[in-house]
Amino acid sequence: MKRVTALIAAALITTLVGAAMFAVGANAMLNKNTVPIANSPTAAANSSTSAGDPPGSQIQQLQNLIAQYQQRDQQYQDQINQLEQQLNQESQNLQQYQNLLMALQERGVILITRDGRVLIPDQ
């Protein structure tokens, strides 16, 4: 009698666990709110065709984008070089002005105070 009761309990538990597993599996299959697995071949195929573009077209678009970025980078490099040249020219001009002021001060034509005022001494 104990064996029969145990057998019935085991069969009942197995049936309940099986029904629960079936319900979870059916729910997973019928659920439309899912995200495809990232590494699956179907996900890769769906992502490449979802936009309506074949993979070759996407590659061409990416190559065009790279070419645009390279062209923009070259423009920025040219602009940087031009600004460096302009900065060097302005630095040379500033140095010439400083030399001129120093020469005028050494000859006594002007007097520069500590606070930066330029005075012309009486002669």
Protein backbone atom coordinates (compact mmCIF):
# COMPACT_ATOMS: atom_id res chain seq x y z
CA MET A 1 0.00 0.00 0.00
CA LYS A 2 2.86 2.37 0.76
CA ARG A 3 4.32 1.68 -2.65
CA VAL A 4 1.10 2.47 -4.45
CA THR A 5 0.71 5.75 -2.57
CA ALA A 6 4.29 6.72 -3.33
CA LEU A 7 3.82 5.79 -7.00
CA ILE A 8 0.65 7.88 -7.26
CA ALA A 9 2.35 10.84 -5.53
CA ALA A 10 5.37 10.58 -7.84
CA ALA A 11 3.15 10.45 -10.93
CA LEU A 12 1.11 13.41 -9.71
CA ILE A 13 4.21 15.51 -8.98
CA THR A 14 5.76 14.55 -12.32
CA THR A 15 2.55 15.53 -14.11
CA LEU A 16 2.39 18.89 -12.32
CA VAL A 17 6.06 19.69 -13.04
CA GLY A 18 5.63 18.64 -16.68
CA ALA A 19 2.49 20.79 -17.05
CA ALA A 20 4.31 23.78 -15.54
CA MET A 21 7.26 23.30 -17.89
CA PHE A 22 4.87 23.00 -20.85
CA ALA A 23 3.06 26.19 -19.81
CA VAL A 24 6.32 28.16 -19.49
CA GLY A 25 7.58 26.87 -22.86
CA ALA A 26 4.30 27.65 -24.62
CA ASN A 27 4.27 31.14 -23.11
CA ALA A 28 7.84 31.75 -24.29
CA MET A 29 7.02 30.60 -27.82
CA LEU A 30 3.82 32.61 -28.11
CA ASN A 31 5.18 35.82 -26.53
CA LYS A 32 5.65 38.50 -29.20
CA ASN A 33 7.49 40.92 -26.86
CA THR A 34 10.92 39.36 -27.23
CA VAL A 35 14.36 40.54 -28.24
CA PRO A 36 16.39 38.35 -30.61
CA ILE A 37 19.57 36.82 -29.26
CA ALA A 38 22.54 39.00 -30.23
CA ASN A 39 24.83 36.24 -31.52
CA SER A 40 22.28 34.11 -33.34
CA PRO A 41 22.49 33.90 -37.14
CA THR A 42 18.82 34.83 -37.49
CA ALA A 43 19.33 37.99 -35.44
CA ALA A 44 22.22 39.03 -37.67
CA ALA A 45 20.20 38.34 -40.79
CA ASN A 46 17.19 40.20 -39.43
CA SER A 47 19.22 43.23 -38.38
CA SER A 48 20.89 43.53 -41.78
CA THR A 49 17.67 43.12 -43.73
CA SER A 50 15.39 44.98 -41.35
CA ALA A 51 16.41 48.32 -42.82
CA GLY A 52 15.77 47.00 -46.32
CA ASP A 53 19.41 47.39 -47.35
CA PRO A 54 21.57 44.48 -48.39
CA PRO A 55 24.86 44.16 -46.47
CA GLY A 56 26.88 45.42 -49.44
CA SER A 57 24.95 48.67 -49.44
CA GLN A 58 25.62 49.16 -45.74
CA ILE A 59 29.33 48.58 -46.32
CA GLN A 60 29.32 51.17 -49.09
CA GLN A 61 27.54 53.66 -46.84
CA LEU A 62 30.10 53.09 -44.09
CA GLN A 63 32.97 53.52 -46.55
CA ASN A 64 31.45 56.79 -47.76
CA LEU A 65 31.09 57.95 -44.17
CA ILE A 66 34.74 57.10 -43.48
CA ALA A 67 35.78 59.06 -46.59
CA GLN A 68 33.77 62.06 -45.39
CA TYR A 69 35.41 61.90 -41.97
CA GLN A 70 38.86 61.65 -43.55
CA GLN A 71 38.13 64.67 -45.74
CA ARG A 72 36.89 66.63 -42.73
CA ASP A 73 39.99 65.60 -40.78
CA GLN A 74 42.20 66.87 -43.61
CA GLN A 75 40.33 70.19 -43.62
CA TYR A 76 40.87 70.52 -39.87
CA GLN A 77 44.57 69.72 -40.24
CA ASP A 78 44.90 72.38 -42.96
CA GLN A 79 43.11 74.89 -40.76
CA ILE A 80 45.37 74.03 -37.81
CA ASN A 81 48.47 74.50 -39.97
CA GLN A 82 47.17 77.86 -41.22
CA LEU A 83 46.44 79.04 -37.67
CA GLU A 84 49.90 77.92 -36.52
CA GLN A 85 51.49 79.96 -39.28
CA GLN A 86 49.38 82.95 -38.33
CA LEU A 87 50.35 82.54 -34.68
CA ASN A 88 54.04 82.36 -35.59
CA GLN A 89 53.71 85.54 -37.68
CA GLU A 90 51.96 87.37 -34.83
CA SER A 91 54.62 86.19 -32.38
CA GLN A 92 57.31 87.62 -34.66
CA ASN A 93 55.41 90.92 -34.88
CA LEU A 94 55.11 91.05 -31.10
CA GLN A 95 58.83 90.38 -30.72
CA GLN A 96 59.60 93.24 -33.13
CA TYR A 97 57.37 95.62 -31.13
CA GLN A 98 59.07 94.57 -27.90
CA ASN A 99 62.50 95.16 -29.47
CA LEU A 100 61.38 98.59 -30.69
CA LEU A 101 60.10 99.57 -27.24
CA MET A 102 63.32 98.34 -25.59
CA ALA A 103 65.45 100.33 -28.07
CA LEU A 104 63.39 103.50 -27.51
CA GLN A 105 63.65 103.03 -23.74
CA GLU A 106 67.43 102.47 -23.88
CA ARG A 107 67.91 105.68 -25.89
CA GLY A 108 65.78 107.62 -23.44
CA VAL A 109 63.03 108.48 -25.91
CA ILE A 110 60.37 106.81 -23.75
CA LEU A 111 60.10 105.69 -20.17
CA ILE A 112 58.04 102.62 -19.22
CA THR A 113 56.89 102.49 -15.60
CA ARG A 114 56.37 99.30 -13.58
CA ASP A 115 52.60 99.54 -13.99
CA GLY A 116 52.98 99.61 -17.79
CA ARG A 117 52.47 103.31 -18.49
CA VAL A 118 54.58 104.79 -21.27
CA LEU A 119 55.89 108.30 -20.59
CA ILE A 120 57.80 110.70 -22.80
CA PRO A 121 60.42 112.45 -20.63
CA ASP A 122 60.97 116.23 -20.90
CA GLN A 123 64.23 117.10 -22.63
